Amino acid sequence: MKIEKVSEDMLPKDISLCFDESIFPPPVKVQGGEKRALGDMLLITSGGRYKLYTESCDYVRVLEGEGHVKWARGEYPFREGDILRLDGVKEYELNGKGRYCIVRR
């Protein structure tokens, strides 16, 4: 279980966090924000707190905003432009108003 910042060149070759937003279906309102899902990708717009669950590894690109990830072992800060690798954390919250692209592996 760990969270770490990674760079674009550290991503697995089959993961791209660059995308055309128009390929996503319309958003659904959840947790005071919006979620758009396409395959193993999520596009989240959060009003301040968004809870997620994962059994594997999530890659989170912070498109807008700043805040912290809250998880069982504490908090991990992030800001716009960061890419985070959340490996085996199970349950976590994105705390901070913003937009996030998440790819699940």
C-alpha atoms as a PDB file:
ATOM      1  CA  MET A   1       0.000   0.000   0.000  1.00  0.00           C
ATOM      2  CA  LYS A   2       1.531   3.270  -1.094  1.00  0.00           C
ATOM      3  CA  ILE A   3       0.971   6.598  -2.788  1.00  0.00           C
ATOM      4  CA  GLU A   4       3.665   8.303  -4.828  1.00  0.00           C
ATOM      5  CA  LYS A   5       4.031  11.066  -7.383  1.00  0.00           C
ATOM      6  CA  VAL A   6       5.130   9.859 -10.792  1.00  0.00           C
ATOM      7  CA  SER A   7       6.047  11.580 -14.033  1.00  0.00           C
ATOM      8  CA  GLU A   8       4.529  10.996 -17.463  1.00  0.00           C
ATOM      9  CA  ASP A   9       7.516   8.863 -18.536  1.00  0.00           C
ATOM     10  CA  MET A  10       7.080   6.585 -15.480  1.00  0.00           C
ATOM     11  CA  LEU A  11       3.560   5.515 -16.527  1.00  0.00           C
ATOM     12  CA  PRO A  12       3.105   2.000 -17.936  1.00  0.00           C
ATOM     13  CA  LYS A  13       3.125   2.084 -21.741  1.00  0.00           C
ATOM     14  CA  ASP A  14      -0.552   1.056 -21.950  1.00  0.00           C
ATOM     15  CA  ILE A  15      -1.736   4.026 -19.835  1.00  0.00           C
ATOM     16  CA  SER A  16      -2.431   7.452 -21.240  1.00  0.00           C
ATOM     17  CA  LEU A  17      -3.754  10.247 -19.070  1.00  0.00           C
ATOM     18  CA  CYS A  18      -4.105  12.489 -22.125  1.00  0.00           C
ATOM     19  CA  PHE A  19      -7.517  12.238 -23.709  1.00  0.00           C
ATOM     20  CA  ASP A  20     -10.224  13.967 -25.661  1.00  0.00           C
ATOM     21  CA  GLU A  21     -12.977  14.819 -23.188  1.00  0.00           C
ATOM     22  CA  SER A  22     -15.612  14.514 -25.930  1.00  0.00           C
ATOM     23  CA  ILE A  23     -15.211  10.704 -25.972  1.00  0.00           C
ATOM     24  CA  PHE A  24     -16.756  10.418 -22.495  1.00  0.00           C
ATOM     25  CA  PRO A  25     -20.502   9.943 -21.995  1.00  0.00           C
ATOM     26  CA  PRO A  26     -22.513  12.681 -20.270  1.00  0.00           C
ATOM     27  CA  PRO A  27     -21.758  13.140 -16.553  1.00  0.00           C
ATOM     28  CA  VAL A  28     -23.795  11.723 -13.707  1.00  0.00           C
ATOM     29  CA  LYS A  29     -24.130  13.613 -10.434  1.00  0.00           C
ATOM     30  CA  VAL A  30     -22.578  11.814  -7.456  1.00  0.00           C
ATOM     31  CA  GLN A  31     -21.108  12.886  -4.100  1.00  0.00           C
ATOM     32  CA  GLY A  32     -21.725  16.579  -4.757  1.00  0.00           C
ATOM     33  CA  GLY A  33     -19.774  16.422  -8.018  1.00  0.00           C
ATOM     34  CA  GLU A  34     -19.850  14.785 -11.431  1.00  0.00           C
ATOM     35  CA  LYS A  35     -18.483  11.485 -12.713  1.00  0.00           C
ATOM     36  CA  ARG A  36     -17.923  10.408 -16.299  1.00  0.00           C
ATOM     37  CA  ALA A  37     -16.781   6.833 -16.904  1.00  0.00           C
ATOM     38  CA  LEU A  38     -15.352   5.196 -20.021  1.00  0.00           C
ATOM     39  CA  GLY A  39     -13.796   1.749 -19.750  1.00  0.00           C
ATOM     40  CA  ASP A  40     -11.064   1.886 -17.117  1.00  0.00           C
ATOM     41  CA  MET A  41     -11.052   5.726 -17.060  1.00  0.00           C
ATOM     42  CA  LEU A  42     -12.938   8.124 -14.808  1.00  0.00           C
ATOM     43  CA  LEU A  43     -13.245  11.875 -15.199  1.00  0.00           C
ATOM     44  CA  ILE A  44     -14.231  13.387 -11.848  1.00  0.00           C
ATOM     45  CA  THR A  45     -15.265  16.960 -11.071  1.00  0.00           C
ATOM     46  CA  SER A  46     -15.371  17.323  -7.295  1.00  0.00           C
ATOM     47  CA  GLY A  47     -16.876  20.033  -5.145  1.00  0.00           C
ATOM     48  CA  GLY A  48     -14.451  19.264  -2.310  1.00  0.00           C
ATOM     49  CA  ARG A  49     -14.505  15.601  -1.277  1.00  0.00           C
ATOM     50  CA  TYR A  50     -14.798  12.515  -3.479  1.00  0.00           C
ATOM     51  CA  LYS A  51     -14.475   8.960  -2.114  1.00  0.00           C
ATOM     52  CA  LEU A  52     -13.160   6.101  -4.262  1.00  0.00           C
ATOM     53  CA  TYR A  53     -12.443   2.408  -3.785  1.00  0.00           C
ATOM     54  CA  THR A  54      -9.863   0.356  -5.653  1.00  0.00           C
ATOM     55  CA  GLU A  55      -8.599  -3.198  -5.384  1.00  0.00           C
ATOM     56  CA  SER A  56      -5.614  -2.602  -7.653  1.00  0.00           C
ATOM     57  CA  CYS A  57      -3.683   0.470  -8.756  1.00  0.00           C
ATOM     58  CA  ASP A  58      -5.144   3.875  -9.653  1.00  0.00           C
ATOM     59  CA  TYR A  59      -3.282   6.560 -11.578  1.00  0.00           C
ATOM     60  CA  VAL A  60      -4.708  10.009 -10.829  1.00  0.00           C
ATOM     61  CA  ARG A  61      -3.883  13.112 -12.884  1.00  0.00           C
ATOM     62  CA  VAL A  62      -4.891  16.347 -11.180  1.00  0.00           C
ATOM     63  CA  LEU A  63      -6.316  18.436 -14.025  1.00  0.00           C
ATOM     64  CA  GLU A  64      -7.399  21.386 -11.851  1.00  0.00           C
ATOM     65  CA  GLY A  65      -7.171  22.301  -8.178  1.00  0.00           C
ATOM     66  CA  GLU A  66      -5.131  21.213  -5.206  1.00  0.00           C
ATOM     67  CA  GLY A  67      -5.670  19.375  -1.951  1.00  0.00           C
ATOM     68  CA  HIS A  68      -4.753  16.000  -0.495  1.00  0.00           C
ATOM     69  CA  VAL A  69      -5.519  12.309  -0.732  1.00  0.00           C
ATOM     70  CA  LYS A  70      -6.839  10.958   2.553  1.00  0.00           C
ATOM     71  CA  TRP A  71      -6.258   7.254   3.098  1.00  0.00           C
ATOM     72  CA  ALA A  72      -5.733   4.717   5.896  1.00  0.00           C
ATOM     73  CA  ARG A  73      -2.148   5.825   6.482  1.00  0.00           C
ATOM     74  CA  GLY A  74      -2.696   9.583   6.524  1.00  0.00           C
ATOM     75  CA  GLU A  75      -2.765  12.306   3.924  1.00  0.00           C
ATOM     76  CA  TYR A  76      -0.766  12.934   0.759  1.00  0.00           C
ATOM     77  CA  PRO A  77      -0.759  16.439  -0.835  1.00  0.00           C
ATOM     78  CA  PHE A  78      -1.330  17.148  -4.522  1.00  0.00           C
ATOM     79  CA  ARG A  79      -1.645  20.122  -6.853  1.00  0.00           C
ATOM     80  CA  GLU A  80      -2.651  20.815 -10.441  1.00  0.00           C
ATOM     81  CA  GLY A  81      -0.463  18.909 -12.900  1.00  0.00           C
ATOM     82  CA  ASP A  82       0.537  16.120 -10.483  1.00  0.00           C
ATOM     83  CA  ILE A  83       0.193  12.453 -11.396  1.00  0.00           C
ATOM     84  CA  LEU A  84      -0.258  10.106  -8.446  1.00  0.00           C
ATOM     85  CA  ARG A  85       0.096   6.330  -8.333  1.00  0.00           C
ATOM     86  CA  LEU A  86      -2.110   4.798  -5.639  1.00  0.00           C
ATOM     87  CA  ASP A  87      -1.148   1.157  -5.294  1.00  0.00           C
ATOM     88  CA  GLY A  88      -3.289  -1.116  -3.122  1.00  0.00           C
ATOM     89  CA  VAL A  89      -4.754   1.677  -0.979  1.00  0.00           C
ATOM     90  CA  LYS A  90      -8.307   0.214  -1.225  1.00  0.00           C
ATOM     91  CA  GLU A  91     -10.311   3.239   0.019  1.00  0.00           C
ATOM     92  CA  TYR A  92      -9.301   6.865  -0.459  1.00  0.00           C
ATOM     93  CA  GLU A  93     -10.703  10.367  -0.731  1.00  0.00           C
ATOM     94  CA  LEU A  94      -9.711  13.178  -3.048  1.00  0.00           C
ATOM     95  CA  ASN A  95     -10.044  16.225  -0.804  1.00  0.00           C
ATOM     96  CA  GLY A  96      -9.969  19.490  -2.695  1.00  0.00           C
ATOM     97  CA  LYS A  97     -12.172  21.192  -5.222  1.00  0.00           C
ATOM     98  CA  GLY A  98     -10.957  20.167  -8.669  1.00  0.00           C
ATOM     99  CA  ARG A  99     -10.998  17.892 -11.709  1.00  0.00           C
ATOM    100  CA  TYR A 100      -9.279  14.535 -11.891  1.00  0.00           C
ATOM    101  CA  CYS A 101      -8.627  11.893 -14.533  1.00  0.00           C
ATOM    102  CA  ILE A 102      -8.246   8.392 -13.091  1.00  0.00           C
ATOM    103  CA  VAL A 103      -7.081   5.261 -14.898  1.00  0.00           C
ATOM    104  CA  ARG A 104      -7.539   1.953 -13.085  1.00  0.00           C
ATOM    105  CA  ARG A 105      -5.255  -1.061 -13.489  1.00  0.00           C
END
